């Protein structure tokens, strides 16, 4: 957590595990996806000083990202 930056955007591996589980966690796809989402959200924030999750999802879909339904 950043002391002087509220609500920072983060991306990368979003899972952790022991050495045996590590091999199955080394899938770069999640890093690419969370990085793309964090970048889109940061761009919206830079332009508008706010982030609307639905706008981010729409932009990601327009870019060809696979987005899970928000109704899950």
PDB file of N, CA and C in Angstrom:
ATOM      1  N   UNK A   1       0.845  -1.182   0.000  1.00  0.00           N
ATOM      2  CA  UNK A   1       0.000   0.000   0.000  1.00  0.00           C
ATOM      3  C   UNK A   1       0.884   1.236   0.000  1.00  0.00           C
ATOM      4  N   UNK A   2       0.552   2.182  -0.812  1.00  0.00           N
ATOM      5  CA  UNK A   2       1.300   3.427  -0.879  1.00  0.00           C
ATOM      6  C   UNK A   2       0.806   4.385   0.196  1.00  0.00           C
ATOM      7  N   UNK A   3       1.725   5.003   0.898  1.00  0.00           N
ATOM      8  CA  UNK A   3       1.363   5.924   1.970  1.00  0.00           C
ATOM      9  C   UNK A   3       0.777   7.218   1.413  1.00  0.00           C
ATOM     10  N   UNK A   4       1.313   7.692   0.290  1.00  0.00           N
ATOM     11  CA  UNK A   4       0.891   8.994  -0.220  1.00  0.00           C
ATOM     12  C   UNK A   4       0.066   8.931  -1.510  1.00  0.00           C
ATOM     13  N   UNK A   5      -0.340   7.732  -1.942  1.00  0.00           N
ATOM     14  CA  UNK A   5      -1.156   7.599  -3.148  1.00  0.00           C
ATOM     15  C   UNK A   5      -2.386   6.763  -2.820  1.00  0.00           C
ATOM     16  N   UNK A   6      -3.567   7.380  -2.771  1.00  0.00           N
ATOM     17  CA  UNK A   6      -4.762   6.596  -2.497  1.00  0.00           C
ATOM     18  C   UNK A   6      -5.183   5.793  -3.721  1.00  0.00           C
ATOM     19  N   UNK A   7      -5.641   4.590  -3.513  1.00  0.00           N
ATOM     20  CA  UNK A   7      -6.192   3.739  -4.563  1.00  0.00           C
ATOM     21  C   UNK A   7      -5.285   3.576  -5.778  1.00  0.00           C
ATOM     22  N   UNK A   8      -4.055   3.095  -5.607  1.00  0.00           N
ATOM     23  CA  UNK A   8      -3.188   2.895  -6.768  1.00  0.00           C
ATOM     24  C   UNK A   8      -3.706   1.751  -7.644  1.00  0.00           C
ATOM     25  N   UNK A   9      -3.426   1.802  -8.927  1.00  0.00           N
ATOM     26  CA  UNK A   9      -3.783   0.715  -9.828  1.00  0.00           C
ATOM     27  C   UNK A   9      -2.651  -0.306  -9.793  1.00  0.00           C
ATOM     28  N   UNK A  10      -2.999  -1.577  -9.762  1.00  0.00           N
ATOM     29  CA  UNK A  10      -1.986  -2.632  -9.708  1.00  0.00           C
ATOM     30  C   UNK A  10      -2.313  -3.701 -10.743  1.00  0.00           C
ATOM     31  N   UNK A  11      -1.268  -4.318 -11.265  1.00  0.00           N
ATOM     32  CA  UNK A  11      -1.456  -5.382 -12.245  1.00  0.00           C
ATOM     33  C   UNK A  11      -0.333  -6.390 -12.081  1.00  0.00           C
ATOM     34  N   UNK A  12      -0.504  -7.528 -12.691  1.00  0.00           N
ATOM     35  CA  UNK A  12       0.521  -8.559 -12.632  1.00  0.00           C
ATOM     36  C   UNK A  12      -0.064  -9.848 -12.118  1.00  0.00           C
ATOM     37  N   UNK A  13       0.776 -10.683 -11.574  1.00  0.00           N
ATOM     38  CA  UNK A  13       0.275 -11.937 -11.013  1.00  0.00           C
ATOM     39  C   UNK A  13      -0.613 -11.630  -9.819  1.00  0.00           C
ATOM     40  N   UNK A  14      -1.795 -12.137  -9.874  1.00  0.00           N
ATOM     41  CA  UNK A  14      -2.742 -11.875  -8.797  1.00  0.00           C
ATOM     42  C   UNK A  14      -2.979 -13.120  -7.951  1.00  0.00           C
ATOM     43  N   UNK A  15      -2.033 -14.042  -7.977  1.00  0.00           N
ATOM     44  CA  UNK A  15      -2.141 -15.269  -7.194  1.00  0.00           C
ATOM     45  C   UNK A  15      -0.773 -15.610  -6.631  1.00  0.00           C
ATOM     46  N   UNK A  16      -0.773 -16.385  -5.583  1.00  0.00           N
ATOM     47  CA  UNK A  16       0.471 -16.805  -4.966  1.00  0.00           C
ATOM     48  C   UNK A  16       0.303 -18.249  -4.517  1.00  0.00           C
ATOM     49  N   UNK A  17       1.392 -18.960  -4.422  1.00  0.00           N
ATOM     50  CA  UNK A  17       1.322 -20.343  -3.982  1.00  0.00           C
ATOM     51  C   UNK A  17       2.697 -20.840  -3.586  1.00  0.00           C
ATOM     52  N   UNK A  18       2.744 -22.060  -3.054  1.00  0.00           N
ATOM     53  CA  UNK A  18       4.036 -22.630  -2.664  1.00  0.00           C
ATOM     54  C   UNK A  18       4.803 -23.088  -3.905  1.00  0.00           C
ATOM     55  N   UNK A  19       6.000 -23.603  -3.697  1.00  0.00           N
ATOM     56  CA  UNK A  19       6.884 -23.979  -4.806  1.00  0.00           C
ATOM     57  C   UNK A  19       6.224 -25.010  -5.726  1.00  0.00           C
ATOM     58  N   UNK A  20       5.512 -25.975  -5.189  1.00  0.00           N
ATOM     59  CA  UNK A  20       4.867 -27.000  -6.015  1.00  0.00           C
ATOM     60  C   UNK A  20       3.737 -26.419  -6.852  1.00  0.00           C
ATOM     61  N   UNK A  21       3.002 -25.483  -6.301  1.00  0.00           N
ATOM     62  CA  UNK A  21       1.898 -24.879  -7.041  1.00  0.00           C
ATOM     63  C   UNK A  21       2.388 -23.818  -8.014  1.00  0.00           C
ATOM     64  N   UNK A  22       3.623 -23.352  -7.834  1.00  0.00           N
ATOM     65  CA  UNK A  22       4.151 -22.259  -8.644  1.00  0.00           C
ATOM     66  C   UNK A  22       4.106 -22.504 -10.132  1.00  0.00           C
ATOM     67  N   UNK A  23       4.363 -23.730 -10.572  1.00  0.00           N
ATOM     68  CA  UNK A  23       4.373 -24.020 -12.004  1.00  0.00           C
ATOM     69  C   UNK A  23       3.018 -23.731 -12.642  1.00  0.00           C
ATOM     70  N   UNK A  24       1.954 -24.038 -11.945  1.00  0.00           N
ATOM     71  CA  UNK A  24       0.629 -23.797 -12.523  1.00  0.00           C
ATOM     72  C   UNK A  24       0.236 -22.323 -12.444  1.00  0.00           C
ATOM     73  N   UNK A  25       0.938 -21.556 -11.628  1.00  0.00           N
ATOM     74  CA  UNK A  25       0.629 -20.136 -11.497  1.00  0.00           C
ATOM     75  C   UNK A  25       1.416 -19.266 -12.482  1.00  0.00           C
ATOM     76  N   UNK A  26       2.345 -19.852 -13.202  1.00  0.00           N
ATOM     77  CA  UNK A  26       3.182 -19.085 -14.109  1.00  0.00           C
ATOM     78  C   UNK A  26       2.517 -18.889 -15.467  1.00  0.00           C
ATOM     79  N   UNK A  27       1.301 -18.508 -15.460  1.00  0.00           N
ATOM     80  CA  UNK A  27       0.565 -18.268 -16.695  1.00  0.00           C
ATOM     81  C   UNK A  27       0.542 -16.762 -16.924  1.00  0.00           C
ATOM     82  N   UNK A  28       1.158 -16.324 -18.004  1.00  0.00           N
ATOM     83  CA  UNK A  28       1.300 -14.896 -18.252  1.00  0.00           C
ATOM     84  C   UNK A  28      -0.001 -14.229 -18.680  1.00  0.00           C
ATOM     85  N   UNK A  29      -0.958 -14.994 -19.123  1.00  0.00           N
ATOM     86  CA  UNK A  29      -2.214 -14.409 -19.591  1.00  0.00           C
ATOM     87  C   UNK A  29      -2.885 -13.515 -18.561  1.00  0.00           C
ATOM     88  N   UNK A  30      -2.870 -13.935 -17.305  1.00  0.00           N
ATOM     89  CA  UNK A  30      -3.498 -13.100 -16.282  1.00  0.00           C
ATOM     90  C   UNK A  30      -2.733 -11.801 -16.093  1.00  0.00           C
ATOM     91  N   UNK A  31      -1.418 -11.846 -16.235  1.00  0.00           N
ATOM     92  CA  UNK A  31      -0.638 -10.612 -16.127  1.00  0.00           C
ATOM     93  C   UNK A  31      -0.966  -9.665 -17.271  1.00  0.00           C
ATOM     94  N   UNK A  32      -1.086 -10.207 -18.468  1.00  0.00           N
ATOM     95  CA  UNK A  32      -1.445  -9.370 -19.618  1.00  0.00           C
ATOM     96  C   UNK A  32      -2.828  -8.746 -19.419  1.00  0.00           C
ATOM     97  N   UNK A  33      -3.778  -9.569 -18.976  1.00  0.00           N
ATOM     98  CA  UNK A  33      -5.151  -9.093 -18.823  1.00  0.00           C
ATOM     99  C   UNK A  33      -5.276  -8.042 -17.725  1.00  0.00           C
ATOM    100  N   UNK A  34      -4.659  -8.293 -16.568  1.00  0.00           N
ATOM    101  CA  UNK A  34      -4.771  -7.311 -15.494  1.00  0.00           C
ATOM    102  C   UNK A  34      -3.994  -6.045 -15.833  1.00  0.00           C
ATOM    103  N   UNK A  35      -2.895  -6.183 -16.570  1.00  0.00           N
ATOM    104  CA  UNK A  35      -2.139  -5.006 -17.004  1.00  0.00           C
ATOM    105  C   UNK A  35      -2.936  -4.154 -17.963  1.00  0.00           C
ATOM    106  N   UNK A  36      -3.619  -4.798 -18.906  1.00  0.00           N
ATOM    107  CA  UNK A  36      -4.461  -4.064 -19.848  1.00  0.00           C
ATOM    108  C   UNK A  36      -5.585  -3.349 -19.105  1.00  0.00           C
ATOM    109  N   UNK A  37      -6.230  -4.043 -18.177  1.00  0.00           N
ATOM    110  CA  UNK A  37      -7.333  -3.438 -17.421  1.00  0.00           C
ATOM    111  C   UNK A  37      -6.845  -2.276 -16.564  1.00  0.00           C
ATOM    112  N   UNK A  38      -5.708  -2.448 -15.906  1.00  0.00           N
ATOM    113  CA  UNK A  38      -5.165  -1.362 -15.079  1.00  0.00           C
ATOM    114  C   UNK A  38      -4.800  -0.163 -15.947  1.00  0.00           C
ATOM    115  N   UNK A  39      -4.258  -0.418 -17.128  1.00  0.00           N
ATOM    116  CA  UNK A  39      -3.910   0.677 -18.039  1.00  0.00           C
ATOM    117  C   UNK A  39      -5.125   1.442 -18.511  1.00  0.00           C
ATOM    118  N   UNK A  40      -6.177   0.728 -18.871  1.00  0.00           N
ATOM    119  CA  UNK A  40      -7.415   1.385 -19.301  1.00  0.00           C
ATOM    120  C   UNK A  40      -8.006   2.201 -18.155  1.00  0.00           C
ATOM    121  N   UNK A  41      -8.046   1.614 -16.953  1.00  0.00           N
ATOM    122  CA  UNK A  41      -8.589   2.339 -15.799  1.00  0.00           C
ATOM    123  C   UNK A  41      -7.755   3.577 -15.479  1.00  0.00           C
ATOM    124  N   UNK A  42      -6.436   3.454 -15.565  1.00  0.00           N
ATOM    125  CA  UNK A  42      -5.561   4.602 -15.298  1.00  0.00           C
ATOM    126  C   UNK A  42      -5.765   5.696 -16.342  1.00  0.00           C
ATOM    127  N   UNK A  43      -5.963   5.308 -17.597  1.00  0.00           N
ATOM    128  CA  UNK A  43      -6.202   6.304 -18.648  1.00  0.00           C
ATOM    129  C   UNK A  43      -7.514   7.044 -18.409  1.00  0.00           C
ATOM    130  N   UNK A  44      -8.557   6.309 -18.030  1.00  0.00           N
ATOM    131  CA  UNK A  44      -9.829   6.970 -17.705  1.00  0.00           C
ATOM    132  C   UNK A  44      -9.640   7.939 -16.543  1.00  0.00           C
ATOM    133  N   UNK A  45      -8.919   7.489 -15.521  1.00  0.00           N
ATOM    134  CA  UNK A  45      -8.711   8.353 -14.361  1.00  0.00           C
ATOM    135  C   UNK A  45      -7.915   9.597 -14.746  1.00  0.00           C
ATOM    136  N   UNK A  46      -6.908   9.451 -15.576  1.00  0.00           N
ATOM    137  CA  UNK A  46      -6.094  10.592 -15.998  1.00  0.00           C
ATOM    138  C   UNK A  46      -6.934  11.620 -16.762  1.00  0.00           C
ATOM    139  N   UNK A  47      -7.914  11.142 -17.514  1.00  0.00           N
ATOM    140  CA  UNK A  47      -8.757  12.040 -18.309  1.00  0.00           C
ATOM    141  C   UNK A  47      -9.893  12.656 -17.513  1.00  0.00           C
ATOM    142  N   UNK A  48     -10.465  11.901 -16.591  1.00  0.00           N
ATOM    143  CA  UNK A  48     -11.709  12.339 -15.945  1.00  0.00           C
ATOM    144  C   UNK A  48     -11.639  12.463 -14.432  1.00  0.00           C
ATOM    145  N   UNK A  49     -10.543  12.033 -13.830  1.00  0.00           N
ATOM    146  CA  UNK A  49     -10.378  12.008 -12.361  1.00  0.00           C
ATOM    147  C   UNK A  49     -11.420  11.135 -11.683  1.00  0.00           C
ATOM    148  N   UNK A  50     -11.910  10.154 -12.407  1.00  0.00           N
ATOM    149  CA  UNK A  50     -12.817   9.152 -11.856  1.00  0.00           C
ATOM    150  C   UNK A  50     -12.691   7.891 -12.702  1.00  0.00           C
ATOM    151  N   UNK A  51     -13.147   6.777 -12.173  1.00  0.00           N
ATOM    152  CA  UNK A  51     -13.146   5.525 -12.926  1.00  0.00           C
ATOM    153  C   UNK A  51     -14.513   4.883 -12.781  1.00  0.00           C
ATOM    154  N   UNK A  52     -15.130   4.590 -13.894  1.00  0.00           N
ATOM    155  CA  UNK A  52     -16.405   3.887 -13.918  1.00  0.00           C
ATOM    156  C   UNK A  52     -16.120   2.478 -14.435  1.00  0.00           C
ATOM    157  N   UNK A  53     -16.385   1.469 -13.618  1.00  0.00           N
ATOM    158  CA  UNK A  53     -16.054   0.092 -13.976  1.00  0.00           C
ATOM    159  C   UNK A  53     -16.715  -0.331 -15.276  1.00  0.00           C
ATOM    160  N   UNK A  54     -17.938   0.085 -15.507  1.00  0.00           N
ATOM    161  CA  UNK A  54     -18.631  -0.306 -16.739  1.00  0.00           C
ATOM    162  C   UNK A  54     -17.972   0.326 -17.960  1.00  0.00           C
ATOM    163  N   UNK A  55     -17.486   1.561 -17.855  1.00  0.00           N
ATOM    164  CA  UNK A  55     -16.760   2.192 -18.962  1.00  0.00           C
ATOM    165  C   UNK A  55     -15.461   1.431 -19.252  1.00  0.00           C
ATOM    166  N   UNK A  56     -14.793   0.995 -18.202  1.00  0.00           N
ATOM    167  CA  UNK A  56     -13.558   0.219 -18.378  1.00  0.00           C
ATOM    168  C   UNK A  56     -13.884  -1.100 -19.070  1.00  0.00           C
ATOM    169  N   UNK A  57     -14.920  -1.796 -18.620  1.00  0.00           N
ATOM    170  CA  UNK A  57     -15.314  -3.058 -19.254  1.00  0.00           C
ATOM    171  C   UNK A  57     -15.655  -2.854 -20.725  1.00  0.00           C
ATOM    172  N   UNK A  58     -16.400  -1.796 -21.029  1.00  0.00           N
ATOM    173  CA  UNK A  58     -16.778  -1.514 -22.412  1.00  0.00           C
ATOM    174  C   UNK A  58     -15.539  -1.275 -23.270  1.00  0.00           C
ATOM    175  N   UNK A  59     -14.609  -0.489 -22.762  1.00  0.00           N
ATOM    176  CA  UNK A  59     -13.382  -0.215 -23.505  1.00  0.00           C
ATOM    177  C   UNK A  59     -12.580  -1.495 -23.723  1.00  0.00           C
ATOM    178  N   UNK A  60     -12.489  -2.329 -22.703  1.00  0.00           N
ATOM    179  CA  UNK A  60     -11.761  -3.591 -22.843  1.00  0.00           C
ATOM    180  C   UNK A  60     -12.426  -4.491 -23.877  1.00  0.00           C
ATOM    181  N   UNK A  61     -13.756  -4.569 -23.856  1.00  0.00           N
ATOM    182  CA  UNK A  61     -14.467  -5.376 -24.866  1.00  0.00           C
ATOM    183  C   UNK A  61     -14.189  -4.841 -26.264  1.00  0.00           C
ATOM    184  N   UNK A  62     -14.193  -3.507 -26.421  1.00  0.00           N
ATOM    185  CA  UNK A  62     -13.913  -2.901 -27.728  1.00  0.00           C
ATOM    186  C   UNK A  62     -12.502  -3.241 -28.207  1.00  0.00           C
ATOM    187  N   UNK A  63     -11.599  -3.473 -27.262  1.00  0.00           N
ATOM    188  CA  UNK A  63     -10.216  -3.835 -27.592  1.00  0.00           C
ATOM    189  C   UNK A  63     -10.053  -5.344 -27.806  1.00  0.00           C
ATOM    190  N   UNK A  64     -11.135  -6.089 -27.651  1.00  0.00           N
ATOM    191  CA  UNK A  64     -11.091  -7.532 -27.883  1.00  0.00           C
ATOM    192  C   UNK A  64     -10.818  -8.372 -26.653  1.00  0.00           C
ATOM    193  N   UNK A  65     -10.814  -7.762 -25.486  1.00  0.00           N
ATOM    194  CA  UNK A  65     -10.561  -8.511 -24.249  1.00  0.00           C
ATOM    195  C   UNK A  65     -11.784  -9.370 -23.920  1.00  0.00           C
ATOM    196  N   UNK A  66     -11.527 -10.522 -23.317  1.00  0.00           N
ATOM    197  CA  UNK A  66     -12.613 -11.390 -22.863  1.00  0.00           C
ATOM    198  C   UNK A  66     -12.963 -10.974 -21.438  1.00  0.00           C
ATOM    199  N   UNK A  67     -14.194 -10.542 -21.237  1.00  0.00           N
ATOM    200  CA  UNK A  67     -14.641 -10.032 -19.948  1.00  0.00           C
ATOM    201  C   UNK A  67     -15.747 -10.932 -19.418  1.00  0.00           C
ATOM    202  N   UNK A  68     -15.607 -11.353 -18.175  1.00  0.00           N
ATOM    203  CA  UNK A  68     -16.657 -12.148 -17.545  1.00  0.00           C
ATOM    204  C   UNK A  68     -17.864 -11.260 -17.292  1.00  0.00           C
ATOM    205  N   UNK A  69     -19.008 -11.854 -17.288  1.00  0.00           N
ATOM    206  CA  UNK A  69     -20.239 -11.125 -17.033  1.00  0.00           C
ATOM    207  C   UNK A  69     -20.197 -10.508 -15.640  1.00  0.00           C
ATOM    208  N   UNK A  70     -20.651  -9.259 -15.518  1.00  0.00           N
ATOM    209  CA  UNK A  70     -20.689  -8.602 -14.211  1.00  0.00           C
ATOM    210  C   UNK A  70     -21.842  -9.132 -13.359  1.00  0.00           C
ATOM    211  N   UNK A  71     -22.639 -10.017 -13.931  1.00  0.00           N
ATOM    212  CA  UNK A  71     -23.773 -10.590 -13.214  1.00  0.00           C
ATOM    213  C   UNK A  71     -23.401 -11.870 -12.485  1.00  0.00           C
ATOM    214  N   UNK A  72     -22.138 -12.265 -12.501  1.00  0.00           N
ATOM    215  CA  UNK A  72     -21.721 -13.501 -11.831  1.00  0.00           C
ATOM    216  C   UNK A  72     -21.787 -13.367 -10.338  1.00  0.00           C
TER     217      UNK A  72
END
